[in-house]
Amino acid sequence: VDATSTEANNIKQRIAKVWILLNGSTFASTDDFNVSGVTDNGTGDYTVTIDTDMGSASYCAVIDPARGSGDAVLGVNIHTRAAGSLRIETCRDDSTKTDVANVSVAIFGDS
């Protein structure tokens, strides 16, 4: 495929520019791509710092907090979205913030 073609540009748009499997209990990356670090902002509150910034804060972030045995239903809130970082909060079904053993994050958009 010619790198300047419409098809090549469409393929580029479908590729995750950032992804991480985060251990929210230890605040460490299990595996990642284009992530320079993770900050623990408190219980259930994490900032993922992007190594090579996105083109803007207008990107799609897909987040999945994997539940362990006995975990209540969990939700995720995007606290702050910036070209160079994404701050997320994980919570129980009663909205109490909680650390989660595995949180998957993927970011799609223009880099």
PDB file of N, CA and C in Angstrom:
ATOM      1  N   VAL A   1       0.849  -1.176   0.000  1.00  0.00           N
ATOM      2  CA  VAL A   1       0.000   0.000   0.000  1.00  0.00           C
ATOM      3  C   VAL A   1       0.888   1.231   0.000  1.00  0.00           C
ATOM      4  N   ASP A   2       0.608   2.149  -0.885  1.00  0.00           N
ATOM      5  CA  ASP A   2       1.326   3.422  -0.949  1.00  0.00           C
ATOM      6  C   ASP A   2       1.050   4.201   0.334  1.00  0.00           C
ATOM      7  N   ALA A   3       2.119   4.680   0.999  1.00  0.00           N
ATOM      8  CA  ALA A   3       1.984   5.350   2.295  1.00  0.00           C
ATOM      9  C   ALA A   3       1.166   6.637   2.234  1.00  0.00           C
ATOM     10  N   THR A   4       1.007   7.190   1.065  1.00  0.00           N
ATOM     11  CA  THR A   4       0.236   8.433   0.943  1.00  0.00           C
ATOM     12  C   THR A   4      -1.194   8.178   0.511  1.00  0.00           C
ATOM     13  N   SER A   5      -1.555   6.953   0.300  1.00  0.00           N
ATOM     14  CA  SER A   5      -2.884   6.644  -0.204  1.00  0.00           C
ATOM     15  C   SER A   5      -3.951   6.788   0.872  1.00  0.00           C
ATOM     16  N   THR A   6      -5.178   6.946   0.443  1.00  0.00           N
ATOM     17  CA  THR A   6      -6.314   7.024   1.356  1.00  0.00           C
ATOM     18  C   THR A   6      -6.419   5.746   2.164  1.00  0.00           C
ATOM     19  N   GLU A   7      -6.169   4.611   1.531  1.00  0.00           N
ATOM     20  CA  GLU A   7      -6.238   3.324   2.227  1.00  0.00           C
ATOM     21  C   GLU A   7      -5.219   3.256   3.362  1.00  0.00           C
ATOM     22  N   ALA A   8      -3.995   3.707   3.105  1.00  0.00           N
ATOM     23  CA  ALA A   8      -2.958   3.700   4.142  1.00  0.00           C
ATOM     24  C   ALA A   8      -3.355   4.616   5.295  1.00  0.00           C
ATOM     25  N   ASN A   9      -3.933   5.770   5.002  1.00  0.00           N
ATOM     26  CA  ASN A   9      -4.372   6.689   6.052  1.00  0.00           C
ATOM     27  C   ASN A   9      -5.509   6.086   6.869  1.00  0.00           C
ATOM     28  N   ASN A  10      -6.416   5.374   6.200  1.00  0.00           N
ATOM     29  CA  ASN A  10      -7.512   4.722   6.921  1.00  0.00           C
ATOM     30  C   ASN A  10      -6.995   3.635   7.857  1.00  0.00           C
ATOM     31  N   ILE A  11      -6.010   2.877   7.401  1.00  0.00           N
ATOM     32  CA  ILE A  11      -5.413   1.836   8.237  1.00  0.00           C
ATOM     33  C   ILE A  11      -4.734   2.474   9.441  1.00  0.00           C
ATOM     34  N   LYS A  12      -4.005   3.566   9.231  1.00  0.00           N
ATOM     35  CA  LYS A  12      -3.319   4.261  10.315  1.00  0.00           C
ATOM     36  C   LYS A  12      -4.314   4.716  11.386  1.00  0.00           C
ATOM     37  N   GLN A  13      -5.493   5.143  10.988  1.00  0.00           N
ATOM     38  CA  GLN A  13      -6.496   5.617  11.932  1.00  0.00           C
ATOM     39  C   GLN A  13      -7.030   4.490  12.813  1.00  0.00           C
ATOM     40  N   ARG A  14      -6.955   3.268  12.371  1.00  0.00           N
ATOM     41  CA  ARG A  14      -7.516   2.131  13.118  1.00  0.00           C
ATOM     42  C   ARG A  14      -6.541   1.507  14.100  1.00  0.00           C
ATOM     43  N   ILE A  15      -5.323   1.995  14.148  1.00  0.00           N
ATOM     44  CA  ILE A  15      -4.287   1.402  14.993  1.00  0.00           C
ATOM     45  C   ILE A  15      -4.211   2.156  16.318  1.00  0.00           C
ATOM     46  N   ALA A  16      -4.146   1.406  17.425  1.00  0.00           N
ATOM     47  CA  ALA A  16      -3.994   2.044  18.736  1.00  0.00           C
ATOM     48  C   ALA A  16      -2.646   2.748  18.788  1.00  0.00           C
ATOM     49  N   LYS A  17      -2.662   4.007  19.187  1.00  0.00           N
ATOM     50  CA  LYS A  17      -1.425   4.791  19.291  1.00  0.00           C
ATOM     51  C   LYS A  17      -0.798   4.638  20.676  1.00  0.00           C
ATOM     52  N   VAL A  18      -1.619   4.253  21.644  1.00  0.00           N
ATOM     53  CA  VAL A  18      -1.175   4.054  23.022  1.00  0.00           C
ATOM     54  C   VAL A  18      -1.966   2.880  23.587  1.00  0.00           C
ATOM     55  N   TRP A  19      -1.310   2.010  24.335  1.00  0.00           N
ATOM     56  CA  TRP A  19      -2.040   0.994  25.091  1.00  0.00           C
ATOM     57  C   TRP A  19      -1.228   0.595  26.309  1.00  0.00           C
ATOM     58  N   ILE A  20      -1.955   0.151  27.331  1.00  0.00           N
ATOM     59  CA  ILE A  20      -1.299  -0.280  28.561  1.00  0.00           C
ATOM     60  C   ILE A  20      -2.190  -1.277  29.284  1.00  0.00           C
ATOM     61  N   LEU A  21      -1.569  -2.254  29.898  1.00  0.00           N
ATOM     62  CA  LEU A  21      -2.218  -3.116  30.878  1.00  0.00           C
ATOM     63  C   LEU A  21      -1.596  -2.708  32.199  1.00  0.00           C
ATOM     64  N   LEU A  22      -2.392  -2.031  33.023  1.00  0.00           N
ATOM     65  CA  LEU A  22      -1.923  -1.436  34.262  1.00  0.00           C
ATOM     66  C   LEU A  22      -2.343  -2.271  35.453  1.00  0.00           C
ATOM     67  N   ASN A  23      -1.410  -2.535  36.349  1.00  0.00           N
ATOM     68  CA  ASN A  23      -1.750  -3.154  37.621  1.00  0.00           C
ATOM     69  C   ASN A  23      -2.052  -2.017  38.580  1.00  0.00           C
ATOM     70  N   GLY A  24      -3.326  -1.747  38.806  1.00  0.00           N
ATOM     71  CA  GLY A  24      -3.742  -0.639  39.643  1.00  0.00           C
ATOM     72  C   GLY A  24      -3.468  -0.834  41.111  1.00  0.00           C
ATOM     73  N   SER A  25      -3.078  -2.024  41.507  1.00  0.00           N
ATOM     74  CA  SER A  25      -2.730  -2.272  42.905  1.00  0.00           C
ATOM     75  C   SER A  25      -1.287  -1.874  43.196  1.00  0.00           C
ATOM     76  N   THR A  26      -0.411  -2.064  42.201  1.00  0.00           N
ATOM     77  CA  THR A  26       1.006  -1.725  42.380  1.00  0.00           C
ATOM     78  C   THR A  26       1.400  -0.481  41.586  1.00  0.00           C
ATOM     79  N   PHE A  27       0.474   0.023  40.769  1.00  0.00           N
ATOM     80  CA  PHE A  27       0.683   1.212  39.933  1.00  0.00           C
ATOM     81  C   PHE A  27       1.830   1.027  38.951  1.00  0.00           C
ATOM     82  N   ALA A  28       1.948  -0.178  38.441  1.00  0.00           N
ATOM     83  CA  ALA A  28       2.992  -0.490  37.480  1.00  0.00           C
ATOM     84  C   ALA A  28       2.372  -1.047  36.213  1.00  0.00           C
ATOM     85  N   SER A  29       3.060  -0.841  35.114  1.00  0.00           N
ATOM     86  CA  SER A  29       2.622  -1.376  33.834  1.00  0.00           C
ATOM     87  C   SER A  29       3.002  -2.840  33.741  1.00  0.00           C
ATOM     88  N   THR A  30       2.032  -3.684  33.378  1.00  0.00           N
ATOM     89  CA  THR A  30       2.317  -5.081  33.086  1.00  0.00           C
ATOM     90  C   THR A  30       2.907  -5.177  31.687  1.00  0.00           C
ATOM     91  N   ASP A  31       2.372  -4.379  30.777  1.00  0.00           N
ATOM     92  CA  ASP A  31       2.880  -4.260  29.413  1.00  0.00           C
ATOM     93  C   ASP A  31       2.292  -2.989  28.836  1.00  0.00           C
ATOM     94  N   ASP A  32       3.006  -2.362  27.900  1.00  0.00           N
ATOM     95  CA  ASP A  32       2.488  -1.115  27.340  1.00  0.00           C
ATOM     96  C   ASP A  32       3.154  -0.780  26.019  1.00  0.00           C
ATOM     97  N   PHE A  33       2.581   0.205  25.348  1.00  0.00           N
ATOM     98  CA  PHE A  33       3.141   0.765  24.124  1.00  0.00           C
ATOM     99  C   PHE A  33       2.915   2.272  24.154  1.00  0.00           C
ATOM    100  N   ASN A  34       3.963   3.049  23.932  1.00  0.00           N
ATOM    101  CA  ASN A  34       3.931   4.509  23.876  1.00  0.00           C
ATOM    102  C   ASN A  34       3.477   5.127  25.206  1.00  0.00           C
ATOM    103  N   VAL A  35       3.883   4.508  26.304  1.00  0.00           N
ATOM    104  CA  VAL A  35       3.585   5.017  27.647  1.00  0.00           C
ATOM    105  C   VAL A  35       4.913   5.283  28.344  1.00  0.00           C
ATOM    106  N   SER A  36       5.074   6.505  28.887  1.00  0.00           N
ATOM    107  CA  SER A  36       6.322   6.813  29.592  1.00  0.00           C
ATOM    108  C   SER A  36       6.209   6.622  31.094  1.00  0.00           C
ATOM    109  N   GLY A  37       4.982   6.522  31.616  1.00  0.00           N
ATOM    110  CA  GLY A  37       4.841   6.294  33.039  1.00  0.00           C
ATOM    111  C   GLY A  37       3.403   6.361  33.500  1.00  0.00           C
ATOM    112  N   VAL A  38       3.198   5.970  34.762  1.00  0.00           N
ATOM    113  CA  VAL A  38       1.880   6.003  35.391  1.00  0.00           C
ATOM    114  C   VAL A  38       2.046   6.683  36.745  1.00  0.00           C
ATOM    115  N   THR A  39       1.124   7.582  37.064  1.00  0.00           N
ATOM    116  CA  THR A  39       1.137   8.279  38.349  1.00  0.00           C
ATOM    117  C   THR A  39      -0.047   7.812  39.187  1.00  0.00           C
ATOM    118  N   ASP A  40       0.220   7.543  40.453  1.00  0.00           N
ATOM    119  CA  ASP A  40      -0.820   7.195  41.416  1.00  0.00           C
ATOM    120  C   ASP A  40      -1.290   8.497  42.054  1.00  0.00           C
ATOM    121  N   ASN A  41      -2.513   8.924  41.726  1.00  0.00           N
ATOM    122  CA  ASN A  41      -3.073  10.157  42.278  1.00  0.00           C
ATOM    123  C   ASN A  41      -3.917   9.898  43.518  1.00  0.00           C
ATOM    124  N   GLY A  42      -3.948   8.664  43.988  1.00  0.00           N
ATOM    125  CA  GLY A  42      -4.782   8.279  45.130  1.00  0.00           C
ATOM    126  C   GLY A  42      -5.543   7.015  44.783  1.00  0.00           C
ATOM    127  N   THR A  43      -6.362   6.541  45.679  1.00  0.00           N
ATOM    128  CA  THR A  43      -7.112   5.312  45.466  1.00  0.00           C
ATOM    129  C   THR A  43      -7.971   5.396  44.214  1.00  0.00           C
ATOM    130  N   GLY A  44      -7.778   4.460  43.303  1.00  0.00           N
ATOM    131  CA  GLY A  44      -8.575   4.384  42.083  1.00  0.00           C
ATOM    132  C   GLY A  44      -8.408   5.560  41.150  1.00  0.00           C
ATOM    133  N   ASP A  45      -7.284   6.246  41.204  1.00  0.00           N
ATOM    134  CA  ASP A  45      -7.064   7.468  40.422  1.00  0.00           C
ATOM    135  C   ASP A  45      -5.667   7.414  39.817  1.00  0.00           C
ATOM    136  N   TYR A  46      -5.585   7.268  38.489  1.00  0.00           N
ATOM    137  CA  TYR A  46      -4.317   7.064  37.807  1.00  0.00           C
ATOM    138  C   TYR A  46      -4.165   8.044  36.654  1.00  0.00           C
ATOM    139  N   THR A  47      -2.929   8.482  36.413  1.00  0.00           N
ATOM    140  CA  THR A  47      -2.620   9.259  35.215  1.00  0.00           C
ATOM    141  C   THR A  47      -1.630   8.459  34.383  1.00  0.00           C
ATOM    142  N   VAL A  48      -2.013   8.171  33.141  1.00  0.00           N
ATOM    143  CA  VAL A  48      -1.138   7.500  32.190  1.00  0.00           C
ATOM    144  C   VAL A  48      -0.488   8.600  31.354  1.00  0.00           C
ATOM    145  N   THR A  49       0.840   8.671  31.389  1.00  0.00           N
ATOM    146  CA  THR A  49       1.567   9.680  30.624  1.00  0.00           C
ATOM    147  C   THR A  49       2.004   9.070  29.299  1.00  0.00           C
ATOM    148  N   ILE A  50       1.631   9.737  28.228  1.00  0.00           N
ATOM    149  CA  ILE A  50       1.903   9.257  26.868  1.00  0.00           C
ATOM    150  C   ILE A  50       3.312   9.675  26.469  1.00  0.00           C
ATOM    151  N   ASP A  51       4.083   8.744  25.923  1.00  0.00           N
ATOM    152  CA  ASP A  51       5.466   9.007  25.539  1.00  0.00           C
ATOM    153  C   ASP A  51       5.528   9.995  24.369  1.00  0.00           C
ATOM    154  N   THR A  52       4.887   9.676  23.260  1.00  0.00           N
ATOM    155  CA  THR A  52       4.793  10.588  22.125  1.00  0.00           C
ATOM    156  C   THR A  52       3.359  11.088  22.089  1.00  0.00           C
ATOM    157  N   ASP A  53       3.187  12.384  22.370  1.00  0.00           N
ATOM    158  CA  ASP A  53       1.850  12.972  22.510  1.00  0.00           C
ATOM    159  C   ASP A  53       0.939  12.683  21.324  1.00  0.00           C
ATOM    160  N   MET A  54      -0.340  12.648  21.632  1.00  0.00           N
ATOM    161  CA  MET A  54      -1.353  12.590  20.590  1.00  0.00           C
ATOM    162  C   MET A  54      -1.410  13.967  19.924  1.00  0.00           C
ATOM    163  N   GLY A  55      -2.072  14.064  18.779  1.00  0.00           N
ATOM    164  CA  GLY A  55      -2.164  15.329  18.061  1.00  0.00           C
ATOM    165  C   GLY A  55      -2.959  16.378  18.822  1.00  0.00           C
ATOM    166  N   SER A  56      -3.895  15.930  19.646  1.00  0.00           N
ATOM    167  CA  SER A  56      -4.720  16.814  20.472  1.00  0.00           C
ATOM    168  C   SER A  56      -5.377  15.959  21.551  1.00  0.00           C
ATOM    169  N   ALA A  57      -6.225  16.576  22.346  1.00  0.00           N
ATOM    170  CA  ALA A  57      -6.968  15.831  23.365  1.00  0.00           C
ATOM    171  C   ALA A  57      -8.233  15.202  22.792  1.00  0.00           C
ATOM    172  N   SER A  58      -8.457  15.355  21.507  1.00  0.00           N
ATOM    173  CA  SER A  58      -9.644  14.785  20.844  1.00  0.00           C
ATOM    174  C   SER A  58      -9.327  13.393  20.319  1.00  0.00           C
ATOM    175  N   TYR A  59      -9.260  12.442  21.217  1.00  0.00           N
ATOM    176  CA  TYR A  59      -9.003  11.051  20.843  1.00  0.00           C
ATOM    177  C   TYR A  59      -9.987  10.146  21.563  1.00  0.00           C
ATOM    178  N   CYS A  60     -10.040   8.922  21.129  1.00  0.00           N
ATOM    179  CA  CYS A  60     -10.924   7.934  21.730  1.00  0.00           C
ATOM    180  C   CYS A  60     -10.111   7.087  22.696  1.00  0.00           C
ATOM    181  N   ALA A  61     -10.553   7.038  23.944  1.00  0.00           N
ATOM    182  CA  ALA A  61      -9.910   6.195  24.952  1.00  0.00           C
ATOM    183  C   ALA A  61     -10.867   5.063  25.302  1.00  0.00           C
ATOM    184  N   VAL A  62     -10.396   3.839  25.165  1.00  0.00           N
ATOM    185  CA  VAL A  62     -11.182   2.654  25.505  1.00  0.00           C
ATOM    186  C   VAL A  62     -10.554   2.054  26.754  1.00  0.00           C
ATOM    187  N   ILE A  63     -11.360   1.898  27.814  1.00  0.00           N
ATOM    188  CA  ILE A  63     -10.835   1.486  29.108  1.00  0.00           C
ATOM    189  C   ILE A  63     -11.665   0.314  29.634  1.00  0.00           C
ATOM    190  N   ASP A  64     -10.974  -0.716  30.129  1.00  0.00           N
ATOM    191  CA  ASP A  64     -11.650  -1.884  30.679  1.00  0.00           C
ATOM    192  C   ASP A  64     -11.017  -2.241  32.018  1.00  0.00           C
ATOM    193  N   PRO A  65     -11.746  -2.053  33.124  1.00  0.00           N
ATOM    194  CA  PRO A  65     -11.228  -2.504  34.411  1.00  0.00           C
ATOM    195  C   PRO A  65     -11.600  -3.970  34.617  1.00  0.00           C
ATOM    196  N   ALA A  66     -10.636  -4.856  34.473  1.00  0.00           N
ATOM    197  CA  ALA A  66     -10.908  -6.290  34.626  1.00  0.00           C
ATOM    198  C   ALA A  66     -11.224  -6.588  36.080  1.00  0.00           C
ATOM    199  N   ARG A  67     -12.318  -7.257  36.299  1.00  0.00           N
ATOM    200  CA  ARG A  67     -12.734  -7.591  37.658  1.00  0.00           C
ATOM    201  C   ARG A  67     -12.095  -8.891  38.105  1.00  0.00           C
ATOM    202  N   GLY A  68     -11.679  -8.897  39.357  1.00  0.00           N
ATOM    203  CA  GLY A  68     -11.186 -10.123  39.971  1.00  0.00           C
ATOM    204  C   GLY A  68     -12.331 -10.811  40.680  1.00  0.00           C
ATOM    205  N   SER A  69     -12.067 -11.960  41.227  1.00  0.00           N
ATOM    206  CA  SER A  69     -13.124 -12.675  41.933  1.00  0.00           C
ATOM    207  C   SER A  69     -13.569 -11.854  43.144  1.00  0.00           C
ATOM    208  N   GLY A  70     -14.857 -11.718  43.319  1.00  0.00           N
ATOM    209  CA  GLY A  70     -15.402 -10.988  44.451  1.00  0.00           C
ATOM    210  C   GLY A  70     -15.534  -9.491  44.253  1.00  0.00           C
ATOM    211  N   ASP A  71     -15.026  -8.946  43.154  1.00  0.00           N
ATOM    212  CA  ASP A  71     -15.152  -7.516  42.904  1.00  0.00           C
ATOM    213  C   ASP A  71     -16.584  -7.156  42.562  1.00  0.00           C
ATOM    214  N   ALA A  72     -17.031  -6.025  43.058  1.00  0.00           N
ATOM    215  CA  ALA A  72     -18.340  -5.498  42.668  1.00  0.00           C
ATOM    216  C   ALA A  72     -18.244  -4.984  41.239  1.00  0.00           C
ATOM    217  N   VAL A  73     -19.370  -4.663  40.655  1.00  0.00           N
ATOM    218  CA  VAL A  73     -19.370  -4.084  39.309  1.00  0.00           C
ATOM    219  C   VAL A  73     -18.536  -2.815  39.348  1.00  0.00           C
ATOM    220  N   LEU A  74     -17.663  -2.665  38.393  1.00  0.00           N
ATOM    221  CA  LEU A  74     -16.756  -1.520  38.380  1.00  0.00           C
ATOM    222  C   LEU A  74     -17.066  -0.586  37.221  1.00  0.00           C
ATOM    223  N   GLY A  75     -16.775   0.674  37.440  1.00  0.00           N
ATOM    224  CA  GLY A  75     -16.926   1.665  36.394  1.00  0.00           C
ATOM    225  C   GLY A  75     -15.634   2.435  36.233  1.00  0.00           C
ATOM    226  N   VAL A  76     -15.532   3.145  35.137  1.00  0.00           N
ATOM    227  CA  VAL A  76     -14.357   3.967  34.862  1.00  0.00           C
ATOM    228  C   VAL A  76     -14.828   5.345  34.434  1.00  0.00           C
ATOM    229  N   ASN A  77     -14.185   6.359  34.972  1.00  0.00           N
ATOM    230  CA  ASN A  77     -14.450   7.733  34.560  1.00  0.00           C
ATOM    231  C   ASN A  77     -13.175   8.323  34.000  1.00  0.00           C
ATOM    232  N   ILE A  78     -13.303   9.063  32.906  1.00  0.00           N
ATOM    233  CA  ILE A  78     -12.167   9.832  32.416  1.00  0.00           C
ATOM    234  C   ILE A  78     -12.202  11.151  33.172  1.00  0.00           C
ATOM    235  N   HIS A  79     -11.171  11.385  33.962  1.00  0.00           N
ATOM    236  CA  HIS A  79     -11.087  12.594  34.773  1.00  0.00           C
ATOM    237  C   HIS A  79     -10.566  13.754  33.925  1.00  0.00           C
ATOM    238  N   THR A  80      -9.439  13.546  33.254  1.00  0.00           N
ATOM    239  CA  THR A  80      -8.817  14.580  32.428  1.00  0.00           C
ATOM    240  C   THR A  80      -8.185  13.933  31.209  1.00  0.00           C
ATOM    241  N   ARG A  81      -8.422  14.536  30.062  1.00  0.00           N
ATOM    242  CA  ARG A  81      -7.844  14.054  28.808  1.00  0.00           C
ATOM    243  C   ARG A  81      -6.993  15.188  28.237  1.00  0.00           C
ATOM    244  N   ALA A  82      -5.723  14.909  27.967  1.00  0.00           N
ATOM    245  CA  ALA A  82      -4.813  15.882  27.357  1.00  0.00           C
ATOM    246  C   ALA A  82      -4.022  15.170  26.269  1.00  0.00           C
ATOM    247  N   ALA A  83      -3.365  15.918  25.414  1.00  0.00           N
ATOM    248  CA  ALA A  83      -2.592  15.306  24.328  1.00  0.00           C
ATOM    249  C   ALA A  83      -1.495  14.388  24.866  1.00  0.00           C
ATOM    250  N   GLY A  84      -0.946  14.709  26.041  1.00  0.00           N
ATOM    251  CA  GLY A  84       0.161  13.933  26.585  1.00  0.00           C
ATOM    252  C   GLY A  84      -0.169  13.053  27.767  1.00  0.00           C
ATOM    253  N   SER A  85      -1.458  12.982  28.138  1.00  0.00           N
ATOM    254  CA  SER A  85      -1.809  12.149  29.285  1.00  0.00           C
ATOM    255  C   SER A  85      -3.312  11.867  29.330  1.00  0.00           C
ATOM    256  N   LEU A  86      -3.643  10.850  30.097  1.00  0.00           N
ATOM    257  CA  LEU A  86      -5.037  10.484  30.342  1.00  0.00           C
ATOM    258  C   LEU A  86      -5.162  10.132  31.815  1.00  0.00           C
ATOM    259  N   ARG A  87      -6.036  10.853  32.515  1.00  0.00           N
ATOM    260  CA  ARG A  87      -6.271  10.569  33.931  1.00  0.00           C
ATOM    261  C   ARG A  87      -7.608   9.872  34.073  1.00  0.00           C
ATOM    262  N   ILE A  88      -7.588   8.693  34.713  1.00  0.00           N
ATOM    263  CA  ILE A  88      -8.807   7.893  34.858  1.00  0.00           C
ATOM    264  C   ILE A  88      -9.053   7.562  36.323  1.00  0.00           C
ATOM    265  N   GLU A  89     -10.312   7.262  36.619  1.00  0.00           N
ATOM    266  CA  GLU A  89     -10.703   6.842  37.957  1.00  0.00           C
ATOM    267  C   GLU A  89     -11.490   5.540  37.831  1.00  0.00           C
ATOM    268  N   THR A  90     -11.174   4.577  38.688  1.00  0.00           N
ATOM    269  CA  THR A  90     -11.921   3.319  38.720  1.00  0.00           C
ATOM    270  C   THR A  90     -12.723   3.279  40.017  1.00  0.00           C
ATOM    271  N   CYS A  91     -13.959   2.794  39.916  1.00  0.00           N
ATOM    272  CA  CYS A  91     -14.827   2.804  41.094  1.00  0.00           C
ATOM    273  C   CYS A  91     -15.717   1.564  41.141  1.00  0.00           C
ATOM    274  N   ARG A  92     -16.223   1.310  42.332  1.00  0.00           N
ATOM    275  CA  ARG A  92     -17.185   0.231  42.555  1.00  0.00           C
ATOM    276  C   ARG A  92     -18.556   0.709  42.112  1.00  0.00           C
ATOM    277  N   ASP A  93     -19.528  -0.195  42.160  1.00  0.00           N
ATOM    278  CA  ASP A  93     -20.875   0.160  41.714  1.00  0.00           C
ATOM    279  C   ASP A  93     -21.538   1.213  42.598  1.00  0.00           C
ATOM    280  N   ASP A  94     -21.002   1.446  43.803  1.00  0.00           N
ATOM    281  CA  ASP A  94     -21.542   2.506  44.664  1.00  0.00           C
ATOM    282  C   ASP A  94     -20.777   3.821  44.495  1.00  0.00           C
ATOM    283  N   SER A  95     -19.944   3.930  43.442  1.00  0.00           N
ATOM    284  CA  SER A  95     -19.142   5.107  43.081  1.00  0.00           C
ATOM    285  C   SER A  95     -17.948   5.352  43.991  1.00  0.00           C
ATOM    286  N   THR A  96     -17.639   4.422  44.890  1.00  0.00           N
ATOM    287  CA  THR A  96     -16.449   4.532  45.735  1.00  0.00           C
ATOM    288  C   THR A  96     -15.228   4.196  44.889  1.00  0.00           C
ATOM    289  N   LYS A  97     -14.238   5.088  44.846  1.00  0.00           N
ATOM    290  CA  LYS A  97     -13.016   4.810  44.097  1.00  0.00           C
ATOM    291  C   LYS A  97     -12.305   3.611  44.711  1.00  0.00           C
ATOM    292  N   THR A  98     -11.774   2.768  43.829  1.00  0.00           N
ATOM    293  CA  THR A  98     -11.070   1.573  44.282  1.00  0.00           C
ATOM    294  C   THR A  98      -9.935   1.239  43.322  1.00  0.00           C
ATOM    295  N   ASP A  99      -8.841   0.712  43.859  1.00  0.00           N
ATOM    296  CA  ASP A  99      -7.744   0.237  43.021  1.00  0.00           C
ATOM    297  C   ASP A  99      -8.159  -1.084  42.391  1.00  0.00           C
ATOM    298  N   VAL A 100      -7.791  -1.270  41.151  1.00  0.00           N
ATOM    299  CA  VAL A 100      -8.159  -2.466  40.391  1.00  0.00           C
ATOM    300  C   VAL A 100      -6.878  -3.160  39.949  1.00  0.00           C
ATOM    301  N   ALA A 101      -6.837  -4.480  40.086  1.00  0.00           N
ATOM    302  CA  ALA A 101      -5.621  -5.229  39.758  1.00  0.00           C
ATOM    303  C   ALA A 101      -5.211  -5.089  38.296  1.00  0.00           C
ATOM    304  N   ASN A 102      -6.170  -5.078  37.385  1.00  0.00           N
ATOM    305  CA  ASN A 102      -5.832  -4.963  35.963  1.00  0.00           C
ATOM    306  C   ASN A 102      -6.767  -3.980  35.282  1.00  0.00           C
ATOM    307  N   VAL A 103      -6.183  -2.951  34.678  1.00  0.00           N
ATOM    308  CA  VAL A 103      -6.938  -1.967  33.912  1.00  0.00           C
ATOM    309  C   VAL A 103      -6.302  -1.895  32.531  1.00  0.00           C
ATOM    310  N   SER A 104      -7.098  -2.153  31.506  1.00  0.00           N
ATOM    311  CA  SER A 104      -6.615  -2.054  30.126  1.00  0.00           C
ATOM    312  C   SER A 104      -7.053  -0.731  29.537  1.00  0.00           C
ATOM    313  N   VAL A 105      -6.122  -0.032  28.889  1.00  0.00           N
ATOM    314  CA  VAL A 105      -6.415   1.252  28.257  1.00  0.00           C
ATOM    315  C   VAL A 105      -5.842   1.225  26.850  1.00  0.00           C
ATOM    316  N   ALA A 106      -6.647   1.655  25.874  1.00  0.00           N
ATOM    317  CA  ALA A 106      -6.171   1.815  24.499  1.00  0.00           C
ATOM    318  C   ALA A 106      -6.643   3.168  24.003  1.00  0.00           C
ATOM    319  N   ILE A 107      -5.771   3.863  23.276  1.00  0.00           N
ATOM    320  CA  ILE A 107      -6.096   5.191  22.762  1.00  0.00           C
ATOM    321  C   ILE A 107      -5.950   5.180  21.244  1.00  0.00           C
ATOM    322  N   PHE A 108      -6.998   5.681  20.602  1.00  0.00           N
ATOM    323  CA  PHE A 108      -7.031   5.773  19.144  1.00  0.00           C
ATOM    324  C   PHE A 108      -7.221   7.231  18.748  1.00  0.00           C
ATOM    325  N   GLY A 109      -6.577   7.665  17.670  1.00  0.00           N
ATOM    326  CA  GLY A 109      -6.729   9.031  17.175  1.00  0.00           C
ATOM    327  C   GLY A 109      -5.481   9.446  16.431  1.00  0.00           C
ATOM    328  N   ASP A 110      -5.393  10.737  16.142  1.00  0.00           N
ATOM    329  CA  ASP A 110      -4.237  11.269  15.430  1.00  0.00           C
ATOM    330  C   ASP A 110      -3.084  11.485  16.389  1.00  0.00           C
ATOM    331  N   SER A 111      -1.910  11.018  15.974  1.00  0.00           N
ATOM    332  CA  SER A 111      -0.728  11.227  16.825  1.00  0.00           C
ATOM    333  C   SER A 111       0.156  12.304  16.241  1.00  0.00           C
TER     334      SER A 111
END
